[in-house]
Amino acid sequence: MALDLVIPDSGPLISLGRINRLDLLDRFNCPIVIADVAVNEVLRGMPGAPDVMIFRDWIRNGGNRIQTIETSIGLLWNALTPDQQSLRKRIKDAGEASVWQSSNTLRDTLGASDYGLLLFEDNQVKNMDFGPRIAKITTWSFLIGMERMGVIPSAEALHQELSSAGRDIQRDPLERQAESAEAGAIWTNIYDMN
């Protein structure tokens, strides 16, 4: 069983972008698929926030490797006028719902021996059903994995950097393997160590 794609929610993208460490996602040896609402959230950002340019550059430089999946929630958001969008900065749970919807689309397109990895921060994602071929990992567990592999010197140091940048992520060690994954099929096996 091979990791076929990585699906980051907006929370991890915002966190990694805030400290200019989206390069940690670039080392996956597979496509990165992002729900349209998550892309909208990170590109909208806070007015004047430097991380908005970091996201734009990262998405632009990612070429075909970074893909956006359209969802009905994203289509609804795009149908709103700019005035309506400014009044309603966020449709409640739109990002999580769009990730769930995009994973349902992917569920039918992944090969029988492939699985995806969902990177998230929002607590409600823990209990959402993304199907048997989607593994889940929190940003904190991702950082711990990076430390164990020697990619970063310290997960705690990055956590402190995130806190200093205004991102307080939970130290939630959740890492849930895809139900249909073979024993030993873990995301660290396809991470580029070079």
C-alpha atoms as a PDB file:
ATOM      1  CA  MET A   1       0.000   0.000   0.000  1.00  0.00           C
ATOM      2  CA  ALA A   2       1.436   3.386  -1.015  1.00  0.00           C
ATOM      3  CA  LEU A   3       0.685   6.909   0.120  1.00  0.00           C
ATOM      4  CA  ASP A   4      -0.929   8.382  -2.969  1.00  0.00           C
ATOM      5  CA  LEU A   5      -1.555  11.949  -1.753  1.00  0.00           C
ATOM      6  CA  VAL A   6      -1.415  14.355   1.174  1.00  0.00           C
ATOM      7  CA  ILE A   7      -4.478  16.426   2.095  1.00  0.00           C
ATOM      8  CA  PRO A   8      -3.617  19.365   4.382  1.00  0.00           C
ATOM      9  CA  ASP A   9      -6.478  21.253   6.001  1.00  0.00           C
ATOM     10  CA  SER A  10      -6.176  25.035   6.322  1.00  0.00           C
ATOM     11  CA  GLY A  11      -4.984  24.897   9.972  1.00  0.00           C
ATOM     12  CA  PRO A  12      -1.674  23.132   9.268  1.00  0.00           C
ATOM     13  CA  LEU A  13      -1.160  25.264   6.147  1.00  0.00           C
ATOM     14  CA  ILE A  14      -1.662  28.457   8.156  1.00  0.00           C
ATOM     15  CA  SER A  15       0.623  27.205  10.933  1.00  0.00           C
ATOM     16  CA  LEU A  16       3.444  26.128   8.636  1.00  0.00           C
ATOM     17  CA  GLY A  17       3.021  29.231   6.461  1.00  0.00           C
ATOM     18  CA  ARG A  18       3.120  31.549   9.458  1.00  0.00           C
ATOM     19  CA  ILE A  19       6.662  30.360  10.242  1.00  0.00           C
ATOM     20  CA  ASN A  20       7.617  29.933   6.565  1.00  0.00           C
ATOM     21  CA  ARG A  21       8.002  26.132   6.818  1.00  0.00           C
ATOM     22  CA  LEU A  22       5.723  24.914   4.025  1.00  0.00           C
ATOM     23  CA  ASP A  23       8.896  23.257   2.737  1.00  0.00           C
ATOM     24  CA  LEU A  24       8.138  20.469   5.229  1.00  0.00           C
ATOM     25  CA  LEU A  25       5.165  19.512   3.042  1.00  0.00           C
ATOM     26  CA  ASP A  26       7.183  19.728  -0.167  1.00  0.00           C
ATOM     27  CA  ARG A  27       9.213  16.686   0.797  1.00  0.00           C
ATOM     28  CA  PHE A  28       6.330  14.245   0.409  1.00  0.00           C
ATOM     29  CA  ASN A  29       6.881  12.058  -2.669  1.00  0.00           C
ATOM     30  CA  CYS A  30       3.267  12.407  -3.771  1.00  0.00           C
ATOM     31  CA  PRO A  31       0.746  15.080  -4.839  1.00  0.00           C
ATOM     32  CA  ILE A  32      -0.646  17.569  -2.311  1.00  0.00           C
ATOM     33  CA  VAL A  33      -4.398  17.993  -2.676  1.00  0.00           C
ATOM     34  CA  ILE A  34      -6.142  20.939  -1.006  1.00  0.00           C
ATOM     35  CA  ALA A  35      -9.880  21.620  -0.805  1.00  0.00           C
ATOM     36  CA  ASP A  36     -10.854  24.911  -2.460  1.00  0.00           C
ATOM     37  CA  VAL A  37     -12.175  26.379   0.803  1.00  0.00           C
ATOM     38  CA  ALA A  38      -8.851  25.677   2.534  1.00  0.00           C
ATOM     39  CA  VAL A  39      -7.009  27.403  -0.335  1.00  0.00           C
ATOM     40  CA  ASN A  40      -9.398  30.356  -0.023  1.00  0.00           C
ATOM     41  CA  GLU A  41      -8.820  30.550   3.745  1.00  0.00           C
ATOM     42  CA  VAL A  42      -5.031  30.600   3.498  1.00  0.00           C
ATOM     43  CA  LEU A  43      -4.952  33.040   0.593  1.00  0.00           C
ATOM     44  CA  ARG A  44      -7.458  35.370   2.247  1.00  0.00           C
ATOM     45  CA  GLY A  45      -5.479  35.460   5.510  1.00  0.00           C
ATOM     46  CA  MET A  46      -5.354  38.396   7.830  1.00  0.00           C
ATOM     47  CA  PRO A  47      -5.053  41.801   6.095  1.00  0.00           C
ATOM     48  CA  GLY A  48      -1.382  42.609   5.562  1.00  0.00           C
ATOM     49  CA  ALA A  49      -0.215  39.243   6.928  1.00  0.00           C
ATOM     50  CA  PRO A  50       3.118  38.220   5.384  1.00  0.00           C
ATOM     51  CA  ASP A  51       2.070  34.580   5.246  1.00  0.00           C
ATOM     52  CA  VAL A  52      -0.433  35.314   2.451  1.00  0.00           C
ATOM     53  CA  MET A  53       2.460  35.943   0.055  1.00  0.00           C
ATOM     54  CA  ILE A  54       4.190  32.817   1.359  1.00  0.00           C
ATOM     55  CA  PHE A  55       1.084  30.769   0.442  1.00  0.00           C
ATOM     56  CA  ARG A  56       0.735  32.384  -2.973  1.00  0.00           C
ATOM     57  CA  ASP A  57       4.370  31.680  -3.789  1.00  0.00           C
ATOM     58  CA  TRP A  58       4.176  28.122  -2.435  1.00  0.00           C
ATOM     59  CA  ILE A  59       1.069  27.287  -4.469  1.00  0.00           C
ATOM     60  CA  ARG A  60       2.475  28.957  -7.602  1.00  0.00           C
ATOM     61  CA  ASN A  61       5.860  27.233  -7.263  1.00  0.00           C
ATOM     62  CA  GLY A  62       4.260  23.864  -6.527  1.00  0.00           C
ATOM     63  CA  GLY A  63       3.176  23.513 -10.141  1.00  0.00           C
ATOM     64  CA  ASN A  64       1.068  20.444 -10.877  1.00  0.00           C
ATOM     65  CA  ARG A  65       2.086  18.810  -7.619  1.00  0.00           C
ATOM     66  CA  ILE A  66      -0.285  21.014  -5.600  1.00  0.00           C
ATOM     67  CA  GLN A  67      -3.874  20.471  -6.733  1.00  0.00           C
ATOM     68  CA  THR A  68      -7.088  22.144  -5.623  1.00  0.00           C
ATOM     69  CA  ILE A  69     -10.309  20.136  -5.440  1.00  0.00           C
ATOM     70  CA  GLU A  70     -13.554  22.020  -6.006  1.00  0.00           C
ATOM     71  CA  THR A  71     -16.320  21.444  -3.482  1.00  0.00           C
ATOM     72  CA  SER A  72     -19.915  22.628  -3.355  1.00  0.00           C
ATOM     73  CA  ILE A  73     -19.027  24.761  -0.325  1.00  0.00           C
ATOM     74  CA  GLY A  74     -16.230  26.442  -2.287  1.00  0.00           C
ATOM     75  CA  LEU A  75     -18.531  27.011  -5.237  1.00  0.00           C
ATOM     76  CA  LEU A  76     -21.087  28.581  -2.859  1.00  0.00           C
ATOM     77  CA  TRP A  77     -18.414  30.867  -1.381  1.00  0.00           C
ATOM     78  CA  ASN A  78     -17.240  31.957  -4.833  1.00  0.00           C
ATOM     79  CA  ALA A  79     -20.837  32.769  -5.803  1.00  0.00           C
ATOM     80  CA  LEU A  80     -21.038  35.364  -3.013  1.00  0.00           C
ATOM     81  CA  THR A  81     -20.293  38.974  -3.901  1.00  0.00           C
ATOM     82  CA  PRO A  82     -17.176  40.515  -2.291  1.00  0.00           C
ATOM     83  CA  ASP A  83     -19.480  42.463   0.073  1.00  0.00           C
ATOM     84  CA  GLN A  84     -21.213  39.262   1.169  1.00  0.00           C
ATOM     85  CA  GLN A  85     -17.846  37.557   1.617  1.00  0.00           C
ATOM     86  CA  SER A  86     -16.568  40.383   3.808  1.00  0.00           C
ATOM     87  CA  LEU A  87     -19.696  40.200   5.974  1.00  0.00           C
ATOM     88  CA  ARG A  88     -19.391  36.447   6.305  1.00  0.00           C
ATOM     89  CA  LYS A  89     -15.664  35.835   6.694  1.00  0.00           C
ATOM     90  CA  ARG A  90     -16.185  32.179   7.404  1.00  0.00           C
ATOM     91  CA  ILE A  91     -19.035  29.812   6.795  1.00  0.00           C
ATOM     92  CA  LYS A  92     -19.194  27.762   9.995  1.00  0.00           C
ATOM     93  CA  ASP A  93     -16.980  24.668   9.674  1.00  0.00           C
ATOM     94  CA  ALA A  94     -16.647  25.270   5.923  1.00  0.00           C
ATOM     95  CA  GLY A  95     -13.025  24.167   5.770  1.00  0.00           C
ATOM     96  CA  GLU A  96     -13.609  20.896   7.588  1.00  0.00           C
ATOM     97  CA  ALA A  97     -16.749  20.149   5.589  1.00  0.00           C
ATOM     98  CA  SER A  98     -14.943  20.839   2.307  1.00  0.00           C
ATOM     99  CA  VAL A  99     -12.049  18.555   3.298  1.00  0.00           C
ATOM    100  CA  TRP A 100     -14.594  15.848   4.147  1.00  0.00           C
ATOM    101  CA  GLN A 101     -16.347  16.401   0.818  1.00  0.00           C
ATOM    102  CA  SER A 102     -13.084  16.303  -1.135  1.00  0.00           C
ATOM    103  CA  SER A 103     -12.035  13.109   0.668  1.00  0.00           C
ATOM    104  CA  ASN A 104     -15.324  11.521  -0.424  1.00  0.00           C
ATOM    105  CA  THR A 105     -14.439  12.406  -4.007  1.00  0.00           C
ATOM    106  CA  LEU A 106     -10.969  10.946  -3.551  1.00  0.00           C
ATOM    107  CA  ARG A 107     -12.351   7.817  -1.905  1.00  0.00           C
ATOM    108  CA  ASP A 108     -13.738   6.756  -5.260  1.00  0.00           C
ATOM    109  CA  THR A 109     -10.593   7.607  -7.205  1.00  0.00           C
ATOM    110  CA  LEU A 110      -7.827   6.112  -5.036  1.00  0.00           C
ATOM    111  CA  GLY A 111      -6.543   2.761  -6.187  1.00  0.00           C
ATOM    112  CA  ALA A 112      -7.277  -0.288  -4.052  1.00  0.00           C
ATOM    113  CA  SER A 113      -3.727  -0.291  -2.705  1.00  0.00           C
ATOM    114  CA  ASP A 114      -3.374   3.488  -2.203  1.00  0.00           C
ATOM    115  CA  TYR A 115      -4.228   5.759   0.682  1.00  0.00           C
ATOM    116  CA  GLY A 116      -4.182   9.449   1.532  1.00  0.00           C
ATOM    117  CA  LEU A 117      -2.901  11.333   4.569  1.00  0.00           C
ATOM    118  CA  LEU A 118      -5.029  14.098   6.089  1.00  0.00           C
ATOM    119  CA  LEU A 119      -3.040  16.674   8.061  1.00  0.00           C
ATOM    120  CA  PHE A 120      -5.270  18.654  10.436  1.00  0.00           C
ATOM    121  CA  GLU A 121      -5.548  20.724  13.627  1.00  0.00           C
ATOM    122  CA  ASP A 122      -9.284  21.105  14.288  1.00  0.00           C
ATOM    123  CA  ASN A 123     -10.588  18.769  17.022  1.00  0.00           C
ATOM    124  CA  GLN A 124     -13.814  17.961  15.207  1.00  0.00           C
ATOM    125  CA  VAL A 125     -11.852  16.321  12.386  1.00  0.00           C
ATOM    126  CA  LYS A 126     -10.817  13.516  14.755  1.00  0.00           C
ATOM    127  CA  ASN A 127     -14.295  12.022  14.722  1.00  0.00           C
ATOM    128  CA  MET A 128     -15.158  12.677  11.085  1.00  0.00           C
ATOM    129  CA  ASP A 129     -15.266   9.637   8.819  1.00  0.00           C
ATOM    130  CA  PHE A 130     -12.983  10.071   5.831  1.00  0.00           C
ATOM    131  CA  GLY A 131     -13.244   6.486   4.688  1.00  0.00           C
ATOM    132  CA  PRO A 132     -10.957   3.490   5.130  1.00  0.00           C
ATOM    133  CA  ARG A 133      -8.168   4.800   2.897  1.00  0.00           C
ATOM    134  CA  ILE A 134      -7.505   8.141   4.583  1.00  0.00           C
ATOM    135  CA  ALA A 135      -5.017   8.269   7.467  1.00  0.00           C
ATOM    136  CA  LYS A 136      -5.130  11.251   9.859  1.00  0.00           C
ATOM    137  CA  ILE A 137      -2.348  13.086  11.635  1.00  0.00           C
ATOM    138  CA  THR A 138      -2.288  16.276  13.684  1.00  0.00           C
ATOM    139  CA  THR A 139       0.229  19.028  13.033  1.00  0.00           C
ATOM    140  CA  TRP A 140       1.879  18.214  16.378  1.00  0.00           C
ATOM    141  CA  SER A 141       2.334  14.535  15.431  1.00  0.00           C
ATOM    142  CA  PHE A 142       3.678  15.637  12.056  1.00  0.00           C
ATOM    143  CA  LEU A 143       6.283  17.804  13.815  1.00  0.00           C
ATOM    144  CA  ILE A 144       7.202  14.933  16.145  1.00  0.00           C
ATOM    145  CA  GLY A 145       7.655  12.693  13.084  1.00  0.00           C
ATOM    146  CA  MET A 146       9.884  15.345  11.494  1.00  0.00           C
ATOM    147  CA  GLU A 147      12.011  15.421  14.644  1.00  0.00           C
ATOM    148  CA  ARG A 148      12.280  11.616  14.849  1.00  0.00           C
ATOM    149  CA  MET A 149      13.429  11.475  11.234  1.00  0.00           C
ATOM    150  CA  GLY A 150      15.986  14.236  11.816  1.00  0.00           C
ATOM    151  CA  VAL A 151      14.305  16.668   9.402  1.00  0.00           C
ATOM    152  CA  ILE A 152      13.935  19.296  12.142  1.00  0.00           C
ATOM    153  CA  PRO A 153      16.000  19.532  15.320  1.00  0.00           C
ATOM    154  CA  SER A 154      13.028  19.895  17.672  1.00  0.00           C
ATOM    155  CA  ALA A 155       9.236  19.713  17.459  1.00  0.00           C
ATOM    156  CA  GLU A 156       9.102  21.725  20.671  1.00  0.00           C
ATOM    157  CA  ALA A 157      11.235  24.514  19.173  1.00  0.00           C
ATOM    158  CA  LEU A 158       8.873  24.775  16.171  1.00  0.00           C
ATOM    159  CA  HIS A 159       5.911  24.727  18.553  1.00  0.00           C
ATOM    160  CA  GLN A 160       7.446  27.668  20.405  1.00  0.00           C
ATOM    161  CA  GLU A 161       8.073  29.456  17.103  1.00  0.00           C
ATOM    162  CA  LEU A 162       4.409  28.906  16.172  1.00  0.00           C
ATOM    163  CA  SER A 163       3.289  30.298  19.545  1.00  0.00           C
ATOM    164  CA  SER A 164       5.493  33.367  19.058  1.00  0.00           C
ATOM    165  CA  ALA A 165       3.896  33.830  15.622  1.00  0.00           C
ATOM    166  CA  GLY A 166       0.379  33.716  17.126  1.00  0.00           C
ATOM    167  CA  ARG A 167      -0.451  30.061  16.322  1.00  0.00           C
ATOM    168  CA  ASP A 168      -1.166  27.944  19.380  1.00  0.00           C
ATOM    169  CA  ILE A 169      -1.557  24.399  18.143  1.00  0.00           C
ATOM    170  CA  GLN A 170      -2.535  21.660  20.562  1.00  0.00           C
ATOM    171  CA  ARG A 171       0.056  19.090  21.511  1.00  0.00           C
ATOM    172  CA  ASP A 172      -2.276  16.374  20.311  1.00  0.00           C
ATOM    173  CA  PRO A 173      -0.335  13.231  19.375  1.00  0.00           C
ATOM    174  CA  LEU A 174      -3.108  11.750  17.230  1.00  0.00           C
ATOM    175  CA  GLU A 175      -1.879   9.661  14.351  1.00  0.00           C
ATOM    176  CA  ARG A 176      -4.503   7.301  12.956  1.00  0.00           C
ATOM    177  CA  GLN A 177      -3.519   4.864  10.232  1.00  0.00           C
ATOM    178  CA  ALA A 178      -5.885   4.286   7.328  1.00  0.00           C
ATOM    179  CA  GLU A 179      -8.159   1.331   8.133  1.00  0.00           C
ATOM    180  CA  SER A 180      -7.248  -0.466   4.926  1.00  0.00           C
ATOM    181  CA  ALA A 181      -3.513   0.207   5.246  1.00  0.00           C
ATOM    182  CA  GLU A 182      -1.183  -2.746   5.367  1.00  0.00           C
ATOM    183  CA  ALA A 183       0.922  -3.186   8.499  1.00  0.00           C
ATOM    184  CA  GLY A 184       3.930  -0.912   8.314  1.00  0.00           C
ATOM    185  CA  ALA A 185       2.399   1.444   5.720  1.00  0.00           C
ATOM    186  CA  ILE A 186       3.155   4.751   7.401  1.00  0.00           C
ATOM    187  CA  TRP A 187       3.613   8.234   5.998  1.00  0.00           C
ATOM    188  CA  THR A 188       7.261   8.475   7.025  1.00  0.00           C
ATOM    189  CA  ASN A 189       8.103   5.737   4.510  1.00  0.00           C
ATOM    190  CA  ILE A 190       7.474   8.053   1.551  1.00  0.00           C
ATOM    191  CA  TYR A 191       8.974  11.228   2.982  1.00  0.00           C
ATOM    192  CA  ASP A 192      12.030  12.498   1.084  1.00  0.00           C
ATOM    193  CA  MET A 193      14.975  12.621   3.477  1.00  0.00           C
ATOM    194  CA  ASN A 194      17.385  14.254   0.975  1.00  0.00           C
END
